[in-house]
Protein backbone atom coordinates (compact mmCIF):
# COMPACT_ATOMS: atom_id res chain seq x y z
CA MET A 1 25.60 -5.93 -0.55
CA GLY A 2 26.43 -2.51 -1.93
CA PRO A 3 25.25 0.77 -0.38
CA GLU A 4 22.38 1.23 -2.85
CA GLN A 5 20.88 -2.16 -2.03
CA LEU A 6 21.33 -1.62 1.70
CA ALA A 7 19.55 1.72 1.38
CA GLU A 8 16.68 0.01 -0.44
CA LEU A 9 16.30 -2.56 2.33
CA ALA A 10 16.41 0.22 4.92
CA ARG A 11 13.45 1.86 3.16
CA TRP A 12 11.58 -1.43 3.27
CA ARG A 13 12.06 -1.39 7.04
CA LEU A 14 10.99 2.29 7.23
CA ARG A 15 14.32 3.30 8.70
CA ASP A 16 14.23 6.56 6.76
CA PHE A 17 11.00 7.61 8.50
CA ALA A 18 11.74 10.61 10.73
CA PRO A 19 8.61 12.67 11.46
CA ASP A 20 9.62 16.28 12.12
CA ALA A 21 7.59 19.17 13.53
CA ALA A 22 6.09 19.95 10.12
CA TYR A 23 4.86 16.37 9.80
CA GLN A 24 3.48 16.30 13.34
CA ALA A 25 1.73 19.66 12.93
CA GLU A 26 -1.98 19.90 13.64
CA TYR A 27 -4.16 20.45 10.60
CA ARG A 28 -7.71 19.87 9.44
CA SER A 29 -8.80 19.83 5.83
CA SER A 30 -11.94 18.78 3.98
CA SER A 31 -9.87 17.62 1.00
CA ARG A 32 -11.14 14.43 -0.65
CA PHE A 33 -7.99 13.11 -2.31
CA ILE A 34 -7.43 9.36 -2.67
CA ALA A 35 -4.43 7.76 -0.97
CA ILE A 36 -3.32 4.33 -2.17
CA GLY A 37 -0.83 2.12 -0.34
CA GLY A 38 0.23 -1.47 0.21
CA ALA A 39 3.25 -3.73 0.17
CA GLY A 40 5.52 -3.19 -2.80
CA ARG A 41 4.68 -5.34 -5.85
CA SER A 42 1.05 -5.63 -4.77
CA GLY A 43 -0.56 -3.76 -7.66
CA THR A 44 -0.72 -0.22 -6.29
CA THR A 45 0.62 1.26 -9.53
CA LEU A 46 -1.89 -0.73 -11.59
CA LEU A 47 -4.79 0.57 -9.49
CA ARG A 48 -3.48 4.11 -9.71
CA ARG A 49 -3.26 3.85 -13.50
CA MET A 50 -6.77 2.41 -13.73
CA LEU A 51 -8.33 5.14 -11.60
CA GLY A 52 -6.28 7.83 -13.30
CA SER A 53 -7.87 6.83 -16.61
CA SER A 54 -11.03 8.54 -15.37
CA ARG A 55 -12.10 12.05 -16.33
CA THR A 56 -12.72 12.97 -12.68
CA LEU A 57 -9.49 11.75 -11.08
CA VAL A 58 -5.92 12.87 -11.69
CA ASP A 59 -2.89 10.76 -10.83
CA GLY A 60 0.87 10.88 -11.15
CA PRO A 61 4.10 9.27 -9.95
CA GLU A 62 4.82 8.63 -6.30
CA SER A 63 4.97 11.97 -4.48
CA TYR A 64 6.15 10.78 -1.02
CA LEU A 65 4.26 13.77 0.39
CA LEU A 66 2.35 11.70 2.94
CA LEU A 67 5.48 9.98 4.26
CA PRO A 68 7.53 11.26 7.23
CA ILE A 69 10.61 11.92 5.12
CA PRO A 70 12.11 15.26 4.02
CA LEU A 71 10.55 16.99 1.03
CA ASN A 72 12.67 17.10 -2.10
CA LEU A 73 10.94 19.78 -4.13
CA ASP A 74 13.25 19.58 -7.13
CA GLU A 75 12.64 15.85 -7.46
CA LEU A 76 8.90 16.31 -6.95
CA ALA A 77 8.80 18.93 -9.70
CA THR A 78 10.72 16.63 -12.03
CA ARG A 79 8.39 13.71 -11.39
CA TYR A 80 5.28 15.77 -12.08
CA GLU A 81 6.80 17.77 -14.91
CA LEU A 82 6.23 21.05 -13.09
CA PRO A 83 8.33 24.21 -13.03
CA ALA A 84 10.32 24.03 -9.81
CA ALA A 85 9.36 27.63 -9.03
CA CYS A 86 5.68 26.74 -8.62
CA LEU A 87 6.52 24.40 -5.73
CA HIS A 88 8.56 26.86 -3.71
CA GLU A 89 5.48 27.84 -1.75
CA LEU A 90 5.30 24.26 -0.47
CA GLU A 91 8.26 24.97 1.76
CA ALA A 92 6.17 25.51 4.88
CA ASP A 93 6.26 24.66 8.55
CA ASN A 94 3.22 22.46 8.05
CA ARG A 95 3.46 19.44 5.75
CA TRP A 96 -0.29 19.18 5.42
CA ALA A 97 -0.75 22.72 4.17
CA SER A 98 1.82 21.78 1.53
CA VAL A 99 -0.19 18.68 0.62
CA ASP A 100 -3.31 20.78 0.14
CA ARG A 101 -1.47 23.31 -1.98
CA PHE A 102 0.22 20.64 -4.10
CA GLN A 103 -3.03 18.92 -4.98
CA GLN A 104 -4.51 22.29 -5.92
CA ILE A 105 -1.62 22.82 -8.34
CA ILE A 106 -2.05 19.33 -9.82
CA THR A 107 -5.82 19.46 -10.23
CA GLN A 108 -6.12 23.08 -11.36
CA ARG A 109 -3.66 22.65 -14.20
CA GLN A 110 -6.14 20.17 -15.73
CA GLY A 111 -8.74 22.91 -15.88
CA GLU A 112 -11.41 20.92 -14.04
CA ASP A 113 -12.54 20.11 -10.52
CA LEU A 114 -10.73 16.80 -10.05
CA ARG A 115 -9.72 14.55 -7.18
CA TRP A 116 -6.03 13.85 -6.81
CA ILE A 117 -4.75 10.29 -6.40
CA ASP A 118 -1.59 9.92 -4.33
CA LYS A 119 -0.19 6.46 -4.86
CA THR A 120 2.90 5.72 -2.82
CA ALA A 121 3.17 2.12 -1.69
CA ARG A 122 4.45 3.07 1.75
CA ASN A 123 1.42 5.30 2.36
CA VAL A 124 -0.07 2.25 4.07
CA HIS A 125 2.18 2.88 7.07
CA CYS A 126 0.86 6.43 7.50
CA PHE A 127 -2.87 6.15 6.84
CA THR A 128 -3.98 6.76 10.42
CA HIS A 129 -1.74 9.79 10.90
CA VAL A 130 -2.85 11.34 7.61
CA GLN A 131 -6.54 10.61 8.18
CA GLN A 132 -6.47 12.67 11.37
CA ARG A 133 -5.63 15.67 9.16
CA PHE A 134 -7.75 14.69 6.15
CA PRO A 135 -10.83 12.85 7.47
CA ASN A 136 -12.71 13.18 4.16
CA ALA A 137 -9.97 11.62 2.05
CA THR A 138 -10.23 8.01 0.83
CA TYR A 139 -7.68 5.42 1.98
CA ILE A 140 -7.17 2.29 -0.12
CA HIS A 141 -5.06 -0.72 0.84
CA VAL A 142 -4.07 -2.97 -2.07
CA VAL A 143 -3.21 -6.52 -1.01
CA ARG A 144 -1.83 -9.43 -3.01
CA ASP A 145 -0.98 -13.06 -2.26
CA PRO A 146 2.27 -12.83 -0.25
CA ARG A 147 3.75 -15.79 -2.12
CA ASP A 148 3.60 -13.83 -5.38
CA VAL A 149 4.71 -10.63 -3.65
CA VAL A 150 7.74 -12.27 -2.02
CA LEU A 151 8.74 -13.90 -5.30
CA SER A 152 8.56 -10.52 -7.07
CA LEU A 153 10.37 -8.64 -4.30
CA ARG A 154 13.23 -11.12 -4.39
CA THR A 155 14.74 -9.42 -7.45
CA HIS A 156 13.24 -5.95 -6.98
CA PRO A 157 14.15 -3.51 -8.25
CA ARG A 158 15.61 -5.14 -11.33
CA LEU A 159 16.56 -1.76 -12.76
CA SER A 160 18.30 1.05 -10.92
CA ARG A 161 16.01 3.89 -9.88
CA LEU A 162 18.71 6.47 -10.46
CA TRP A 163 18.05 8.89 -13.30
CA GLY A 164 19.89 8.12 -16.50
CA ASP A 165 20.03 5.01 -18.61
CA PRO A 166 18.41 2.09 -16.72
CA ARG A 167 20.90 -0.51 -15.58
CA GLN A 168 20.36 -4.00 -14.21
CA THR A 169 20.88 -4.25 -10.45
CA GLY A 170 21.33 -8.02 -10.32
CA TRP A 171 20.03 -7.93 -6.75
CA GLU A 172 18.64 -10.87 -4.83
CA GLN A 173 16.96 -9.54 -1.74
CA PRO A 174 16.97 -11.73 1.41
CA TRP A 175 13.85 -13.90 1.53
CA GLU A 176 13.17 -12.84 5.12
CA ALA A 177 13.27 -9.15 4.17
CA CYS A 178 10.73 -9.82 1.41
CA ILE A 179 8.44 -11.64 3.82
CA ASP A 180 8.77 -8.91 6.42
CA ARG A 181 7.85 -6.21 3.92
CA TRP A 182 4.49 -7.84 3.19
CA ARG A 183 3.92 -8.53 6.89
CA LEU A 184 4.65 -4.95 7.94
CA ALA A 185 2.33 -3.48 5.31
CA VAL A 186 -0.53 -5.80 6.22
CA GLU A 187 -0.08 -5.32 9.97
CA ASP A 188 -0.18 -1.54 9.60
CA ALA A 189 -3.24 -1.83 7.37
CA GLU A 190 -4.93 -3.95 10.05
CA LEU A 191 -4.19 -1.33 12.69
CA ALA A 192 -5.46 1.44 10.44
CA SER A 193 -8.69 -0.44 9.69
CA LYS A 194 -9.56 -0.39 13.39
CA ARG A 195 -9.27 3.39 13.56
CA ILE A 196 -10.24 4.81 10.17
CA PRO A 197 -12.47 3.89 7.21
CA LEU A 198 -10.17 1.75 5.06
CA ILE A 199 -11.02 0.18 1.72
CA THR A 200 -9.21 -3.04 0.83
CA VAL A 201 -8.74 -4.10 -2.79
CA ARG A 202 -7.27 -7.50 -3.68
CA TYR A 203 -4.94 -7.53 -6.65
CA GLU A 204 -6.37 -10.85 -7.81
CA ASP A 205 -9.91 -9.42 -7.89
CA LEU A 206 -8.62 -6.37 -9.74
CA VAL A 207 -7.23 -8.43 -12.62
CA TYR A 208 -9.77 -11.29 -12.72
CA THR A 209 -12.93 -9.22 -12.24
CA PRO A 210 -11.84 -5.64 -12.92
CA ARG A 211 -15.29 -4.29 -13.73
CA GLU A 212 -16.93 -5.58 -10.58
CA SER A 213 -13.96 -4.55 -8.44
CA LEU A 214 -13.83 -1.02 -9.80
CA ILE A 215 -17.59 -0.51 -9.62
CA SER A 216 -17.51 -1.57 -5.96
CA LEU A 217 -14.53 0.67 -5.26
CA ALA A 218 -16.14 3.62 -7.03
CA SER A 219 -19.25 3.22 -4.91
CA SER A 220 -17.26 3.04 -1.67
CA ALA A 221 -14.98 5.96 -2.58
CA ASP A 222 -17.75 8.11 -4.09
CA PHE A 223 -16.50 8.66 -7.61
CA PRO A 224 -18.15 7.63 -10.89
CA PHE A 225 -17.07 4.41 -12.54
CA GLU A 226 -15.94 4.86 -16.15
CA GLU A 227 -15.30 2.25 -18.81
CA SER A 228 -11.91 3.82 -19.50
CA MET A 229 -10.70 2.52 -16.13
CA LEU A 230 -10.74 -1.01 -17.55
CA ASN A 231 -8.15 -0.16 -20.19
CA PRO A 232 -5.34 1.82 -18.56
CA ALA A 233 -2.94 0.76 -21.32
CA GLN A 234 -4.92 2.88 -23.77
CA ARG A 235 -4.21 6.10 -21.93
CA GLN A 236 -1.14 8.00 -22.97
CA ALA A 237 1.77 7.65 -20.58
CA SER A 238 4.27 10.45 -20.62
CA PRO A 239 7.80 9.43 -21.61
CA ARG A 240 8.93 10.66 -18.21
CA GLU A 241 6.50 8.37 -16.38
CA ALA A 242 7.54 5.33 -18.43
CA ARG A 243 11.14 6.16 -17.66
CA TYR A 244 10.54 6.86 -14.00
CA ILE A 245 8.80 3.56 -13.24
CA PRO A 246 10.89 1.09 -15.27
CA ASN A 247 10.31 -1.60 -12.64
CA ASN A 248 6.54 -1.25 -12.94
CA GLY A 249 6.37 -1.44 -16.70
CA ARG A 250 3.58 -4.02 -16.67
CA ALA A 251 1.32 -1.46 -15.04
CA LEU A 252 1.49 0.44 -18.34
CA GLU A 253 0.33 -2.63 -20.28
CA GLU A 254 -3.00 -4.42 -20.65
CA VAL A 255 -4.58 -5.78 -17.47
CA THR A 256 -3.65 -9.47 -17.30
CA THR A 257 -3.94 -12.46 -14.96
CA THR A 258 -0.63 -13.99 -16.07
CA ARG A 259 1.19 -12.79 -12.94
CA VAL A 260 -1.22 -14.50 -10.56
CA GLY A 261 0.02 -17.72 -8.98
CA ARG A 262 3.56 -17.60 -10.32
CA TRP A 263 4.69 -18.84 -6.92
CA ARG A 264 3.32 -22.31 -7.69
CA GLU A 265 6.16 -22.96 -10.13
CA ALA A 266 8.86 -20.46 -9.21
CA LEU A 267 8.87 -20.20 -5.41
CA PRO A 268 11.16 -22.66 -3.57
CA ILE A 269 9.10 -25.08 -1.49
CA ASP A 270 10.89 -24.22 1.76
CA ILE A 271 10.20 -20.50 1.27
CA ARG A 272 6.56 -21.21 0.46
CA ARG A 273 6.22 -23.18 3.70
CA GLN A 274 7.95 -20.40 5.62
CA ILE A 275 5.53 -17.83 4.22
CA GLU A 276 2.48 -19.95 4.95
CA THR A 277 3.66 -20.66 8.48
CA GLN A 278 4.56 -17.09 9.36
CA LEU A 279 1.73 -15.33 7.52
CA GLY A 280 -1.03 -17.91 7.66
CA ARG A 281 -3.36 -15.82 9.82
CA GLN A 282 -3.14 -12.75 7.60
CA MET A 283 -3.44 -14.87 4.45
CA ALA A 284 -6.68 -16.38 5.70
CA LEU A 285 -7.95 -12.92 6.62
CA TYR A 286 -7.64 -11.83 2.98
CA GLY A 287 -8.90 -15.09 1.50
CA TYR A 288 -5.60 -16.68 0.45
CA GLU A 289 -5.62 -20.42 0.93
CA VAL A 290 -2.65 -22.09 2.59
């Protein structure tokens, strides 16, 4: 494996997490933003795009602000198409004051009183820590059948995340690493659910019964359901967003069920048995039949 792939696997195992004093700082805010997380390839980007199609919610690329990793303000400004100068005030001794200020910048530039959606898949590992600072925020765990997730993670990311012309990685991630990524996300979601209000959304429900799923979610998270949420492909995606998430291109397309159950034909039988043996309890918990 090359260094880029090794670094990707290290992120899957959260080895870049290093909470500093700013991240551990005490803070209390009444902010009502929405934090979305889950195992990679579980549909977090799709949900973010659906909710961001609303007139009352504002979304954007992954910010990493809720993760215990160093802030990269230049990269954050690039992702959100902001002048770098407007983020300089985020350089504070308290990460959570920076989070509050950032969402103010994002929502106020829309000219309305909106709720910010922070979708970063690895948020799921930090929900409890963040909720202690933002008790009024909404925390959503997106879960998907691990057999489909593992199959998708096997070759993820297909395209390099480095800026510039996308290039094929040709990676095949270790099966065990793919299984562990789903397991770690679900285990941390289980722990969080015992300590904080946590809303769980199944990817399969989101694509098979999107209206019912979104109406239920809107009721739980206290925002109005809008018909536009059902058609995220109709909203205009900025060229920068399409370029930044080349590995999540299907999240920019029509909502479809074609990606459900791919494991039945494409997943090797021994890997399927390994998944069902190791993850059987969690699968049953979320309604996935073994």
